[in-house]
Amino acid sequence: MIRLDTAAVTEIALLAAHCDDLAIGMGGTLLTLANTVPGLRVRALVLSGAGTERAAEERAALESFCPGAELDLRILDVPDGYAPAHWGRVKDAVAALRDGSAADLVFCTQRGDAHQDHRLLAELAPTVFRDHLILGYEILKWETDTPQPTVFHPLPTDLAQRKAELLMKHYPSQRDRDWFDEESFLALTRLRGVQCRARHAEAFLLDKATITFGGA
């Protein structure tokens, strides 16, 4: 499998529309980065959930997915499903996250997502983080919008299982959804693993990148 290795990453910026998007889309990647980068700085913005039980779930979850990292989590109260109607506020929040961080890498939703809040973030991210590498994560849900990813992060089986376990542990408010279970999460990481010759993987979409040959 062809590899593209990144340089040292010490800080990442995370953009999500809802509490649990990050854990579903890239929980295994967060665990990997936190466990391999001492002193990792994580700057995260979630558009909705402030003042609800979901905010508490999200904070506890990200603390578990980013053990030992310096976590700065901002959760707004934009109404679920109405982010496009709050375009200005959302863009200002994304810009504030950029201005308050020194991110080496940005993770966001992807443009082909069927949920309008996810699409809005994916469209805004490159207009604000103009000089950053942005990886779009996929969010498992009932819509048939599963993308064709272009970048894969292989996960060992125990890490994929840990991701699924933490999702079930930290988001009890979502357990009544018929798709929200360990079997679903492991099925997707196994599929992405097949596509990159690994047991499990998380996958991302990449719109634009530069490559340097012969060193910096």
N, C-alpha and C. Protein backbone atom coordinates (compact mmCIF):
# COMPACT_ATOMS: atom_id res chain seq x y z
N MET A 1 0.85 -1.19 0.00
CA MET A 1 0.00 0.00 0.00
C MET A 1 0.88 1.25 0.00
N ILE A 2 0.60 2.18 -0.89
CA ILE A 2 1.35 3.43 -0.95
C ILE A 2 1.13 4.22 0.32
N ARG A 3 2.22 4.80 0.85
CA ARG A 3 2.13 5.54 2.10
C ARG A 3 2.45 7.01 1.90
N LEU A 4 1.77 7.84 2.65
CA LEU A 4 2.08 9.27 2.74
C LEU A 4 2.24 9.58 4.21
N ASP A 5 3.47 9.82 4.65
CA ASP A 5 3.74 10.06 6.06
C ASP A 5 3.76 11.56 6.34
N THR A 6 3.15 11.97 7.42
CA THR A 6 3.13 13.38 7.78
C THR A 6 4.36 13.71 8.61
N ALA A 7 4.70 14.98 8.65
CA ALA A 7 5.74 15.45 9.55
C ALA A 7 5.17 15.48 10.97
N ALA A 8 5.96 15.96 11.91
CA ALA A 8 5.51 15.99 13.30
C ALA A 8 4.25 16.83 13.45
N VAL A 9 3.27 16.28 14.13
CA VAL A 9 2.02 16.99 14.42
C VAL A 9 1.97 17.22 15.92
N THR A 10 1.88 18.48 16.32
CA THR A 10 1.82 18.79 17.75
C THR A 10 0.48 19.39 18.16
N GLU A 11 -0.27 19.90 17.18
CA GLU A 11 -1.58 20.48 17.48
C GLU A 11 -2.53 20.21 16.33
N ILE A 12 -3.77 19.87 16.68
CA ILE A 12 -4.79 19.62 15.67
C ILE A 12 -6.03 20.46 15.98
N ALA A 13 -6.74 20.82 14.94
CA ALA A 13 -8.03 21.51 15.07
C ALA A 13 -9.13 20.58 14.60
N LEU A 14 -10.21 20.51 15.36
CA LEU A 14 -11.31 19.60 15.06
C LEU A 14 -12.60 20.40 14.90
N LEU A 15 -13.34 20.14 13.83
CA LEU A 15 -14.61 20.81 13.58
C LEU A 15 -15.71 19.77 13.49
N ALA A 16 -16.79 19.99 14.23
CA ALA A 16 -17.92 19.06 14.22
C ALA A 16 -19.22 19.84 14.34
N ALA A 17 -20.27 19.30 13.77
CA ALA A 17 -21.58 19.92 13.88
C ALA A 17 -22.29 19.49 15.16
N HIS A 18 -22.10 18.23 15.54
CA HIS A 18 -22.84 17.67 16.67
C HIS A 18 -21.92 16.91 17.62
N CYS A 19 -22.32 16.83 18.87
CA CYS A 19 -21.64 15.98 19.82
C CYS A 19 -21.74 14.53 19.34
N ASP A 20 -20.66 13.85 19.29
CA ASP A 20 -20.39 12.47 18.85
C ASP A 20 -19.88 12.37 17.43
N ASP A 21 -19.96 13.46 16.61
CA ASP A 21 -19.45 13.40 15.24
C ASP A 21 -17.97 13.04 15.22
N LEU A 22 -17.19 13.69 16.07
CA LEU A 22 -15.74 13.47 16.08
C LEU A 22 -15.40 12.05 16.50
N ALA A 23 -16.06 11.56 17.53
CA ALA A 23 -15.77 10.22 18.02
C ALA A 23 -16.15 9.16 16.98
N ILE A 24 -17.29 9.37 16.31
CA ILE A 24 -17.71 8.42 15.27
C ILE A 24 -16.77 8.48 14.08
N GLY A 25 -16.44 9.69 13.65
CA GLY A 25 -15.67 9.84 12.42
C GLY A 25 -14.19 9.56 12.56
N MET A 26 -13.62 9.83 13.73
CA MET A 26 -12.16 9.72 13.84
C MET A 26 -11.70 9.37 15.25
N GLY A 27 -12.52 8.64 15.99
CA GLY A 27 -12.14 8.26 17.34
C GLY A 27 -10.85 7.47 17.41
N GLY A 28 -10.64 6.57 16.47
CA GLY A 28 -9.42 5.78 16.44
C GLY A 28 -8.20 6.63 16.14
N THR A 29 -8.36 7.62 15.28
CA THR A 29 -7.27 8.52 14.94
C THR A 29 -6.91 9.40 16.13
N LEU A 30 -7.93 9.85 16.86
CA LEU A 30 -7.66 10.64 18.06
C LEU A 30 -6.89 9.82 19.09
N LEU A 31 -7.30 8.59 19.31
CA LEU A 31 -6.59 7.72 20.24
C LEU A 31 -5.13 7.53 19.80
N THR A 32 -4.93 7.33 18.52
CA THR A 32 -3.58 7.13 18.00
C THR A 32 -2.71 8.35 18.23
N LEU A 33 -3.22 9.53 17.86
CA LEU A 33 -2.44 10.75 18.00
C LEU A 33 -2.13 11.04 19.47
N ALA A 34 -3.14 10.90 20.32
CA ALA A 34 -2.93 11.19 21.74
C ALA A 34 -1.92 10.23 22.36
N ASN A 35 -1.91 9.00 21.90
CA ASN A 35 -1.01 8.00 22.48
C ASN A 35 0.41 8.07 21.92
N THR A 36 0.59 8.75 20.78
CA THR A 36 1.91 8.78 20.14
C THR A 36 2.55 10.16 20.13
N VAL A 37 1.78 11.20 20.44
CA VAL A 37 2.32 12.57 20.42
C VAL A 37 2.27 13.13 21.85
N PRO A 38 3.37 13.11 22.57
CA PRO A 38 3.37 13.67 23.93
C PRO A 38 3.00 15.16 23.90
N GLY A 39 2.10 15.54 24.78
CA GLY A 39 1.72 16.95 24.85
C GLY A 39 0.87 17.43 23.70
N LEU A 40 0.21 16.52 23.00
CA LEU A 40 -0.65 16.91 21.88
C LEU A 40 -1.66 17.96 22.32
N ARG A 41 -1.83 18.99 21.50
CA ARG A 41 -2.82 20.02 21.76
C ARG A 41 -4.01 19.81 20.81
N VAL A 42 -5.19 19.77 21.39
CA VAL A 42 -6.41 19.52 20.62
C VAL A 42 -7.35 20.70 20.79
N ARG A 43 -7.67 21.38 19.70
CA ARG A 43 -8.60 22.51 19.72
C ARG A 43 -9.85 22.08 18.96
N ALA A 44 -10.98 21.99 19.65
CA ALA A 44 -12.19 21.43 19.05
C ALA A 44 -13.35 22.40 19.13
N LEU A 45 -14.13 22.45 18.05
CA LEU A 45 -15.35 23.25 17.99
C LEU A 45 -16.51 22.35 17.60
N VAL A 46 -17.58 22.35 18.41
CA VAL A 46 -18.81 21.62 18.11
C VAL A 46 -19.94 22.63 18.06
N LEU A 47 -20.72 22.62 17.01
CA LEU A 47 -21.70 23.67 16.79
C LEU A 47 -22.92 23.59 17.70
N SER A 48 -23.35 22.41 18.08
CA SER A 48 -24.61 22.28 18.83
C SER A 48 -24.43 21.43 20.08
N GLY A 49 -25.35 21.63 21.03
CA GLY A 49 -25.35 20.81 22.23
C GLY A 49 -25.10 21.55 23.51
N ALA A 50 -24.65 22.80 23.46
CA ALA A 50 -24.36 23.55 24.68
C ALA A 50 -25.59 23.61 25.57
N GLY A 51 -25.38 23.44 26.88
CA GLY A 51 -26.47 23.52 27.83
C GLY A 51 -27.33 22.28 27.92
N THR A 52 -26.92 21.19 27.25
CA THR A 52 -27.69 19.94 27.28
C THR A 52 -26.80 18.81 27.80
N GLU A 53 -27.43 17.65 28.03
CA GLU A 53 -26.67 16.49 28.47
C GLU A 53 -25.62 16.07 27.44
N ARG A 54 -25.85 16.41 26.20
CA ARG A 54 -24.93 16.01 25.15
C ARG A 54 -23.58 16.71 25.30
N ALA A 55 -23.58 17.93 25.82
CA ALA A 55 -22.32 18.64 26.03
C ALA A 55 -21.45 17.92 27.05
N ALA A 56 -22.07 17.46 28.12
CA ALA A 56 -21.32 16.72 29.14
C ALA A 56 -20.80 15.40 28.57
N GLU A 57 -21.62 14.74 27.76
CA GLU A 57 -21.19 13.51 27.11
C GLU A 57 -19.97 13.77 26.23
N GLU A 58 -20.03 14.85 25.47
CA GLU A 58 -18.95 15.16 24.53
C GLU A 58 -17.64 15.45 25.25
N ARG A 59 -17.70 16.22 26.31
CA ARG A 59 -16.47 16.55 27.02
C ARG A 59 -15.85 15.28 27.62
N ALA A 60 -16.66 14.45 28.26
CA ALA A 60 -16.13 13.22 28.83
C ALA A 60 -15.58 12.30 27.75
N ALA A 61 -16.27 12.24 26.62
CA ALA A 61 -15.82 11.37 25.53
C ALA A 61 -14.48 11.84 24.98
N LEU A 62 -14.36 13.13 24.67
CA LEU A 62 -13.12 13.61 24.08
C LEU A 62 -11.96 13.51 25.06
N GLU A 63 -12.22 13.64 26.34
CA GLU A 63 -11.16 13.43 27.32
C GLU A 63 -10.66 11.98 27.28
N SER A 64 -11.58 11.04 27.02
CA SER A 64 -11.19 9.64 26.92
C SER A 64 -10.51 9.33 25.59
N PHE A 65 -10.97 9.97 24.51
CA PHE A 65 -10.37 9.74 23.20
C PHE A 65 -9.04 10.46 23.03
N CYS A 66 -8.77 11.44 23.88
CA CYS A 66 -7.53 12.21 23.79
C CYS A 66 -6.77 12.15 25.12
N PRO A 67 -6.45 10.97 25.62
CA PRO A 67 -5.81 10.86 26.95
C PRO A 67 -4.47 11.58 26.98
N GLY A 68 -4.29 12.42 27.99
CA GLY A 68 -3.03 13.12 28.15
C GLY A 68 -2.87 14.36 27.30
N ALA A 69 -3.80 14.60 26.40
CA ALA A 69 -3.69 15.77 25.51
C ALA A 69 -4.20 17.02 26.22
N GLU A 70 -3.77 18.16 25.73
CA GLU A 70 -4.28 19.45 26.19
C GLU A 70 -5.52 19.76 25.35
N LEU A 71 -6.69 19.64 25.96
CA LEU A 71 -7.95 19.73 25.22
C LEU A 71 -8.63 21.07 25.47
N ASP A 72 -8.92 21.77 24.39
CA ASP A 72 -9.71 23.01 24.43
C ASP A 72 -10.97 22.76 23.61
N LEU A 73 -12.09 22.55 24.28
CA LEU A 73 -13.35 22.20 23.62
C LEU A 73 -14.35 23.34 23.75
N ARG A 74 -14.89 23.78 22.62
CA ARG A 74 -15.90 24.82 22.60
C ARG A 74 -17.18 24.23 21.99
N ILE A 75 -18.26 24.30 22.72
CA ILE A 75 -19.54 23.76 22.25
C ILE A 75 -20.54 24.91 22.18
N LEU A 76 -21.14 25.11 21.01
CA LEU A 76 -22.11 26.17 20.81
C LEU A 76 -23.54 25.63 20.93
N ASP A 77 -24.51 26.53 20.82
CA ASP A 77 -25.91 26.12 20.92
C ASP A 77 -26.67 26.37 19.62
N VAL A 78 -25.99 26.23 18.48
CA VAL A 78 -26.67 26.34 17.18
C VAL A 78 -27.68 25.21 17.08
N PRO A 79 -28.94 25.49 16.72
CA PRO A 79 -29.95 24.43 16.65
C PRO A 79 -29.59 23.34 15.64
N ASP A 80 -29.74 22.10 16.05
CA ASP A 80 -29.46 20.96 15.18
C ASP A 80 -30.32 21.06 13.92
N GLY A 81 -29.68 20.96 12.76
CA GLY A 81 -30.40 21.00 11.49
C GLY A 81 -30.58 22.39 10.92
N TYR A 82 -30.16 23.42 11.66
CA TYR A 82 -30.38 24.79 11.21
C TYR A 82 -29.08 25.58 11.09
N ALA A 83 -27.95 24.93 11.05
CA ALA A 83 -26.68 25.64 10.96
C ALA A 83 -26.61 26.58 9.75
N PRO A 84 -27.13 26.19 8.56
CA PRO A 84 -27.06 27.13 7.43
C PRO A 84 -27.77 28.46 7.71
N ALA A 85 -28.78 28.43 8.56
CA ALA A 85 -29.48 29.67 8.90
C ALA A 85 -28.66 30.54 9.84
N HIS A 86 -27.59 29.98 10.40
CA HIS A 86 -26.70 30.70 11.31
C HIS A 86 -25.31 30.80 10.70
N TRP A 87 -25.26 30.99 9.39
CA TRP A 87 -24.02 30.97 8.62
C TRP A 87 -22.97 31.91 9.20
N GLY A 88 -23.35 33.14 9.47
CA GLY A 88 -22.40 34.11 9.97
C GLY A 88 -21.81 33.73 11.30
N ARG A 89 -22.65 33.26 12.20
CA ARG A 89 -22.18 32.86 13.52
C ARG A 89 -21.24 31.66 13.42
N VAL A 90 -21.59 30.72 12.55
CA VAL A 90 -20.76 29.53 12.38
C VAL A 90 -19.39 29.92 11.82
N LYS A 91 -19.39 30.77 10.81
CA LYS A 91 -18.10 31.15 10.22
C LYS A 91 -17.26 31.92 11.24
N ASP A 92 -17.86 32.78 12.02
CA ASP A 92 -17.12 33.50 13.05
C ASP A 92 -16.51 32.54 14.06
N ALA A 93 -17.25 31.50 14.42
CA ALA A 93 -16.75 30.52 15.39
C ALA A 93 -15.58 29.73 14.82
N VAL A 94 -15.68 29.36 13.54
CA VAL A 94 -14.58 28.64 12.90
C VAL A 94 -13.34 29.54 12.82
N ALA A 95 -13.56 30.82 12.50
CA ALA A 95 -12.44 31.76 12.43
C ALA A 95 -11.80 31.96 13.80
N ALA A 96 -12.62 32.01 14.85
CA ALA A 96 -12.09 32.16 16.20
C ALA A 96 -11.25 30.94 16.59
N LEU A 97 -11.68 29.76 16.16
CA LEU A 97 -10.89 28.56 16.44
C LEU A 97 -9.55 28.65 15.73
N ARG A 98 -9.56 29.08 14.48
CA ARG A 98 -8.29 29.22 13.74
C ARG A 98 -7.38 30.24 14.43
N ASP A 99 -7.93 31.38 14.81
CA ASP A 99 -7.11 32.44 15.40
C ASP A 99 -6.54 32.04 16.75
N GLY A 100 -7.20 31.13 17.44
CA GLY A 100 -6.73 30.72 18.76
C GLY A 100 -5.91 29.45 18.75
N SER A 101 -5.50 28.99 17.57
CA SER A 101 -4.76 27.75 17.50
C SER A 101 -3.53 27.89 16.61
N ALA A 102 -2.67 26.90 16.70
CA ALA A 102 -1.51 26.81 15.81
C ALA A 102 -1.52 25.41 15.20
N ALA A 103 -2.66 25.04 14.68
CA ALA A 103 -2.89 23.67 14.21
C ALA A 103 -1.97 23.30 13.05
N ASP A 104 -1.42 22.10 13.12
CA ASP A 104 -0.66 21.53 12.02
C ASP A 104 -1.58 20.80 11.05
N LEU A 105 -2.75 20.43 11.52
CA LEU A 105 -3.66 19.59 10.76
C LEU A 105 -5.09 19.87 11.20
N VAL A 106 -6.02 19.89 10.25
CA VAL A 106 -7.42 20.17 10.55
C VAL A 106 -8.26 18.97 10.13
N PHE A 107 -9.17 18.57 11.00
CA PHE A 107 -10.13 17.52 10.69
C PHE A 107 -11.52 18.13 10.69
N CYS A 108 -12.29 17.81 9.67
CA CYS A 108 -13.63 18.39 9.52
C CYS A 108 -14.55 17.36 8.87
N THR A 109 -15.81 17.71 8.77
CA THR A 109 -16.76 16.89 8.03
C THR A 109 -16.42 16.96 6.54
N GLN A 110 -17.12 16.18 5.72
CA GLN A 110 -16.81 16.15 4.28
C GLN A 110 -18.00 16.64 3.46
N ARG A 111 -17.69 17.21 2.30
CA ARG A 111 -18.67 17.94 1.49
C ARG A 111 -19.84 17.09 1.02
N GLY A 112 -19.65 15.78 0.86
CA GLY A 112 -20.70 14.93 0.34
C GLY A 112 -21.67 14.43 1.39
N ASP A 113 -21.53 14.88 2.64
CA ASP A 113 -22.41 14.43 3.71
C ASP A 113 -23.83 14.91 3.47
N ALA A 114 -24.80 14.05 3.72
CA ALA A 114 -26.21 14.38 3.46
C ALA A 114 -26.79 15.35 4.48
N HIS A 115 -26.16 15.50 5.63
CA HIS A 115 -26.68 16.40 6.66
C HIS A 115 -26.21 17.82 6.38
N GLN A 116 -27.15 18.76 6.32
CA GLN A 116 -26.81 20.12 5.93
C GLN A 116 -25.83 20.79 6.87
N ASP A 117 -25.88 20.47 8.16
CA ASP A 117 -24.94 21.07 9.10
C ASP A 117 -23.51 20.59 8.82
N HIS A 118 -23.37 19.32 8.49
CA HIS A 118 -22.06 18.77 8.17
C HIS A 118 -21.51 19.40 6.89
N ARG A 119 -22.37 19.53 5.88
CA ARG A 119 -21.92 20.12 4.62
C ARG A 119 -21.47 21.56 4.81
N LEU A 120 -22.20 22.31 5.62
CA LEU A 120 -21.83 23.71 5.83
C LEU A 120 -20.43 23.81 6.42
N LEU A 121 -20.13 23.02 7.43
CA LEU A 121 -18.79 23.06 8.02
C LEU A 121 -17.73 22.68 6.99
N ALA A 122 -18.01 21.65 6.19
CA ALA A 122 -17.05 21.21 5.19
C ALA A 122 -16.79 22.30 4.15
N GLU A 123 -17.81 23.08 3.83
CA GLU A 123 -17.65 24.17 2.87
C GLU A 123 -16.92 25.36 3.47
N LEU A 124 -17.15 25.63 4.76
CA LEU A 124 -16.53 26.79 5.40
C LEU A 124 -15.07 26.55 5.78
N ALA A 125 -14.74 25.34 6.17
CA ALA A 125 -13.40 25.07 6.69
C ALA A 125 -12.27 25.56 5.77
N PRO A 126 -12.30 25.24 4.47
CA PRO A 126 -11.18 25.69 3.64
C PRO A 126 -11.19 27.19 3.35
N THR A 127 -12.30 27.88 3.62
CA THR A 127 -12.32 29.33 3.44
C THR A 127 -11.71 30.05 4.63
N VAL A 128 -11.57 29.32 5.74
CA VAL A 128 -10.98 29.89 6.96
C VAL A 128 -9.58 29.34 7.19
N PHE A 129 -9.44 28.01 7.15
CA PHE A 129 -8.13 27.37 7.26
C PHE A 129 -7.55 27.22 5.86
N ARG A 130 -7.13 28.34 5.29
CA ARG A 130 -6.76 28.36 3.87
C ARG A 130 -5.40 27.73 3.59
N ASP A 131 -4.53 27.68 4.58
CA ASP A 131 -3.18 27.16 4.37
C ASP A 131 -2.93 25.86 5.11
N HIS A 132 -3.99 25.18 5.49
CA HIS A 132 -3.87 23.96 6.28
C HIS A 132 -4.26 22.72 5.45
N LEU A 133 -3.69 21.61 5.83
CA LEU A 133 -4.14 20.33 5.31
C LEU A 133 -5.42 19.96 6.06
N ILE A 134 -6.50 19.77 5.32
CA ILE A 134 -7.80 19.46 5.93
C ILE A 134 -8.22 18.06 5.50
N LEU A 135 -8.48 17.21 6.47
CA LEU A 135 -8.97 15.86 6.21
C LEU A 135 -10.44 15.77 6.61
N GLY A 136 -11.28 15.35 5.68
CA GLY A 136 -12.71 15.22 5.94
C GLY A 136 -13.06 13.81 6.42
N TYR A 137 -13.64 13.72 7.61
CA TYR A 137 -13.99 12.41 8.15
C TYR A 137 -15.42 12.03 7.78
N GLU A 138 -15.73 10.75 7.85
CA GLU A 138 -17.06 10.26 7.51
C GLU A 138 -17.83 9.93 8.79
N ILE A 139 -19.14 10.16 8.76
CA ILE A 139 -19.99 9.93 9.92
C ILE A 139 -21.04 8.88 9.57
N LEU A 140 -20.94 7.75 10.23
CA LEU A 140 -21.91 6.67 10.02
C LEU A 140 -23.28 7.11 10.53
N LYS A 141 -24.30 6.93 9.70
CA LYS A 141 -25.68 7.23 10.09
C LYS A 141 -26.61 6.57 9.09
N TRP A 142 -27.92 6.84 9.20
CA TRP A 142 -28.87 6.07 8.40
C TRP A 142 -28.92 6.51 6.94
N GLU A 143 -28.49 7.74 6.61
CA GLU A 143 -28.50 8.17 5.21
C GLU A 143 -27.51 7.35 4.38
N THR A 144 -27.82 7.17 3.12
CA THR A 144 -26.93 6.41 2.22
C THR A 144 -25.94 7.37 1.56
N ASP A 145 -25.12 8.01 2.39
CA ASP A 145 -24.16 9.00 1.88
C ASP A 145 -22.72 8.58 2.14
N THR A 146 -22.50 7.28 2.33
CA THR A 146 -21.15 6.80 2.58
C THR A 146 -20.24 7.21 1.43
N PRO A 147 -19.15 7.93 1.71
CA PRO A 147 -18.32 8.47 0.63
C PRO A 147 -17.32 7.47 0.07
N GLN A 148 -16.61 7.90 -0.96
CA GLN A 148 -15.47 7.15 -1.50
C GLN A 148 -14.21 7.84 -1.01
N PRO A 149 -13.65 7.38 0.09
CA PRO A 149 -12.52 8.08 0.71
C PRO A 149 -11.24 7.94 -0.09
N THR A 150 -10.32 8.85 0.17
CA THR A 150 -9.05 8.89 -0.55
C THR A 150 -7.84 8.71 0.36
N VAL A 151 -8.02 8.82 1.66
CA VAL A 151 -6.93 8.69 2.62
C VAL A 151 -7.37 7.72 3.71
N PHE A 152 -6.49 6.79 4.08
CA PHE A 152 -6.84 5.78 5.07
C PHE A 152 -5.84 5.79 6.22
N HIS A 153 -6.36 5.61 7.43
CA HIS A 153 -5.51 5.47 8.61
C HIS A 153 -5.75 4.09 9.21
N PRO A 154 -4.83 3.13 8.99
CA PRO A 154 -5.01 1.78 9.52
C PRO A 154 -5.06 1.78 11.05
N LEU A 155 -5.92 0.92 11.58
CA LEU A 155 -6.07 0.78 13.02
C LEU A 155 -5.87 -0.68 13.41
N PRO A 156 -5.12 -0.95 14.47
CA PRO A 156 -5.07 -2.33 14.98
C PRO A 156 -6.44 -2.70 15.55
N THR A 157 -6.73 -3.97 15.57
CA THR A 157 -8.04 -4.43 16.00
C THR A 157 -8.40 -3.95 17.39
N ASP A 158 -7.44 -3.99 18.32
CA ASP A 158 -7.76 -3.57 19.69
C ASP A 158 -8.12 -2.10 19.77
N LEU A 159 -7.53 -1.27 18.90
CA LEU A 159 -7.85 0.15 18.91
C LEU A 159 -9.24 0.40 18.31
N ALA A 160 -9.58 -0.34 17.25
CA ALA A 160 -10.92 -0.22 16.67
C ALA A 160 -11.98 -0.64 17.69
N GLN A 161 -11.69 -1.69 18.43
CA GLN A 161 -12.63 -2.15 19.46
C GLN A 161 -12.73 -1.13 20.58
N ARG A 162 -11.61 -0.53 20.95
CA ARG A 162 -11.62 0.49 22.00
C ARG A 162 -12.47 1.68 21.58
N LYS A 163 -12.35 2.08 20.33
CA LYS A 163 -13.18 3.17 19.81
C LYS A 163 -14.66 2.84 19.98
N ALA A 164 -15.07 1.66 19.55
CA ALA A 164 -16.47 1.26 19.64
C ALA A 164 -16.94 1.22 21.09
N GLU A 165 -16.10 0.72 21.97
CA GLU A 165 -16.46 0.64 23.39
C GLU A 165 -16.65 2.03 23.99
N LEU A 166 -15.76 2.96 23.66
CA LEU A 166 -15.86 4.31 24.21
C LEU A 166 -17.09 5.03 23.67
N LEU A 167 -17.44 4.79 22.43
CA LEU A 167 -18.66 5.39 21.87
C LEU A 167 -19.89 4.94 22.65
N MET A 168 -19.97 3.67 22.95
CA MET A 168 -21.12 3.16 23.68
C MET A 168 -21.12 3.65 25.13
N LYS A 169 -19.94 3.79 25.70
CA LYS A 169 -19.83 4.22 27.09
C LYS A 169 -20.23 5.68 27.27
N HIS A 170 -19.77 6.55 26.36
CA HIS A 170 -19.87 7.98 26.60
C HIS A 170 -21.09 8.65 25.98
N TYR A 171 -21.83 7.96 25.14
CA TYR A 171 -22.99 8.58 24.51
C TYR A 171 -24.27 7.78 24.79
N PRO A 172 -24.66 7.66 26.06
CA PRO A 172 -25.88 6.91 26.37
C PRO A 172 -27.13 7.52 25.75
N SER A 173 -27.12 8.81 25.48
CA SER A 173 -28.30 9.45 24.88
C SER A 173 -28.56 8.96 23.47
N GLN A 174 -27.59 8.30 22.85
CA GLN A 174 -27.73 7.87 21.46
C GLN A 174 -27.99 6.37 21.31
N ARG A 175 -28.02 5.65 22.42
CA ARG A 175 -28.11 4.19 22.32
C ARG A 175 -29.45 3.69 21.78
N ASP A 176 -30.48 4.53 21.79
CA ASP A 176 -31.76 4.08 21.27
C ASP A 176 -31.84 4.15 19.75
N ARG A 177 -30.82 4.70 19.10
CA ARG A 177 -30.77 4.72 17.64
C ARG A 177 -30.41 3.32 17.13
N ASP A 178 -31.13 2.85 16.13
CA ASP A 178 -30.94 1.46 15.72
C ASP A 178 -29.59 1.20 15.07
N TRP A 179 -28.89 2.23 14.66
CA TRP A 179 -27.58 2.05 14.03
C TRP A 179 -26.43 2.30 14.99
N PHE A 180 -26.72 2.80 16.18
CA PHE A 180 -25.67 3.19 17.11
C PHE A 180 -25.29 2.00 17.98
N ASP A 181 -24.39 1.16 17.49
CA ASP A 181 -23.93 0.02 18.27
C ASP A 181 -22.51 -0.37 17.83
N GLU A 182 -21.87 -1.17 18.65
CA GLU A 182 -20.49 -1.55 18.37
C GLU A 182 -20.35 -2.29 17.05
N GLU A 183 -21.34 -3.11 16.72
CA GLU A 183 -21.28 -3.88 15.48
C GLU A 183 -21.20 -2.95 14.27
N SER A 184 -22.00 -1.88 14.27
CA SER A 184 -21.98 -0.93 13.15
C SER A 184 -20.63 -0.24 13.02
N PHE A 185 -20.09 0.24 14.14
CA PHE A 185 -18.83 0.96 14.09
C PHE A 185 -17.68 0.06 13.65
N LEU A 186 -17.67 -1.17 14.13
CA LEU A 186 -16.62 -2.10 13.73
C LEU A 186 -16.79 -2.54 12.28
N ALA A 187 -18.02 -2.61 11.81
CA ALA A 187 -18.24 -2.99 10.41
C ALA A 187 -17.63 -1.96 9.47
N LEU A 188 -17.80 -0.68 9.79
CA LEU A 188 -17.24 0.36 8.92
C LEU A 188 -15.72 0.37 8.97
N THR A 189 -15.14 0.26 10.18
CA THR A 189 -13.67 0.26 10.23
C THR A 189 -13.10 -1.00 9.58
N ARG A 190 -13.83 -2.11 9.63
CA ARG A 190 -13.35 -3.32 8.94
C ARG A 190 -13.40 -3.12 7.43
N LEU A 191 -14.48 -2.51 6.93
CA LEU A 191 -14.58 -2.24 5.49
C LEU A 191 -13.43 -1.34 5.04
N ARG A 192 -13.18 -0.28 5.78
CA ARG A 192 -12.09 0.62 5.39
C ARG A 192 -10.74 -0.08 5.52
N GLY A 193 -10.63 -1.02 6.46
CA GLY A 193 -9.41 -1.80 6.55
C GLY A 193 -9.19 -2.65 5.31
N VAL A 194 -10.25 -3.28 4.82
CA VAL A 194 -10.14 -4.08 3.61
C VAL A 194 -9.61 -3.23 2.45
N GLN A 195 -10.06 -1.98 2.40
CA GLN A 195 -9.72 -1.11 1.28
C GLN A 195 -8.29 -0.57 1.34
N CYS A 196 -7.60 -0.79 2.48
CA CYS A 196 -6.21 -0.34 2.57
C CYS A 196 -5.29 -1.44 3.09
N ARG A 197 -5.72 -2.68 2.94
CA ARG A 197 -4.92 -3.86 3.32
C ARG A 197 -4.56 -3.83 4.81
N ALA A 198 -5.56 -3.57 5.64
CA ALA A 198 -5.38 -3.60 7.09
C ALA A 198 -6.59 -4.29 7.70
N ARG A 199 -6.51 -4.63 8.98
CA ARG A 199 -7.67 -5.24 9.62
C ARG A 199 -8.79 -4.22 9.79
N HIS A 200 -8.43 -3.04 10.27
CA HIS A 200 -9.40 -1.97 10.46
C HIS A 200 -8.75 -0.66 10.03
N ALA A 201 -9.58 0.34 9.78
CA ALA A 201 -9.05 1.66 9.41
C ALA A 201 -10.15 2.70 9.54
N GLU A 202 -9.74 3.94 9.66
CA GLU A 202 -10.64 5.08 9.47
C GLU A 202 -10.25 5.75 8.17
N ALA A 203 -11.23 6.35 7.51
CA ALA A 203 -10.99 6.91 6.18
C ALA A 203 -11.36 8.39 6.13
N PHE A 204 -10.66 9.11 5.26
CA PHE A 204 -10.84 10.54 5.15
C PHE A 204 -10.88 10.95 3.68
N LEU A 205 -11.42 12.13 3.44
CA LEU A 205 -11.42 12.69 2.10
C LEU A 205 -10.51 13.92 2.10
N LEU A 206 -9.74 14.04 1.04
CA LEU A 206 -8.76 15.11 0.92
C LEU A 206 -9.02 15.87 -0.37
N ASP A 207 -9.36 17.15 -0.26
CA ASP A 207 -9.65 17.97 -1.43
C ASP A 207 -8.39 18.48 -2.10
N LYS A 208 -7.39 18.88 -1.28
CA LYS A 208 -6.21 19.52 -1.84
C LYS A 208 -5.03 19.34 -0.91
N ALA A 209 -3.85 19.12 -1.52
CA ALA A 209 -2.63 19.01 -0.73
C ALA A 209 -1.45 19.33 -1.62
N THR A 210 -0.34 19.72 -1.01
CA THR A 210 0.91 19.86 -1.75
C THR A 210 1.83 18.75 -1.28
N ILE A 211 2.79 18.41 -2.14
CA ILE A 211 3.75 17.37 -1.79
C ILE A 211 5.16 17.90 -2.10
N THR A 212 6.09 17.60 -1.23
CA THR A 212 7.46 18.06 -1.37
C THR A 212 8.36 16.87 -1.63
N PHE A 213 9.13 16.93 -2.71
CA PHE A 213 10.09 15.87 -3.02
C PHE A 213 11.50 16.34 -2.67
N GLY A 214 12.31 15.44 -2.14
CA GLY A 214 13.69 15.77 -1.87
C GLY A 214 13.92 16.56 -0.60
N GLY A 215 12.96 16.50 0.34
CA GLY A 215 13.12 17.19 1.61
C GLY A 215 12.51 18.57 1.59
N ALA A 216 12.44 19.18 2.77
CA ALA A 216 11.81 20.48 2.91
C ALA A 216 12.65 21.56 2.23
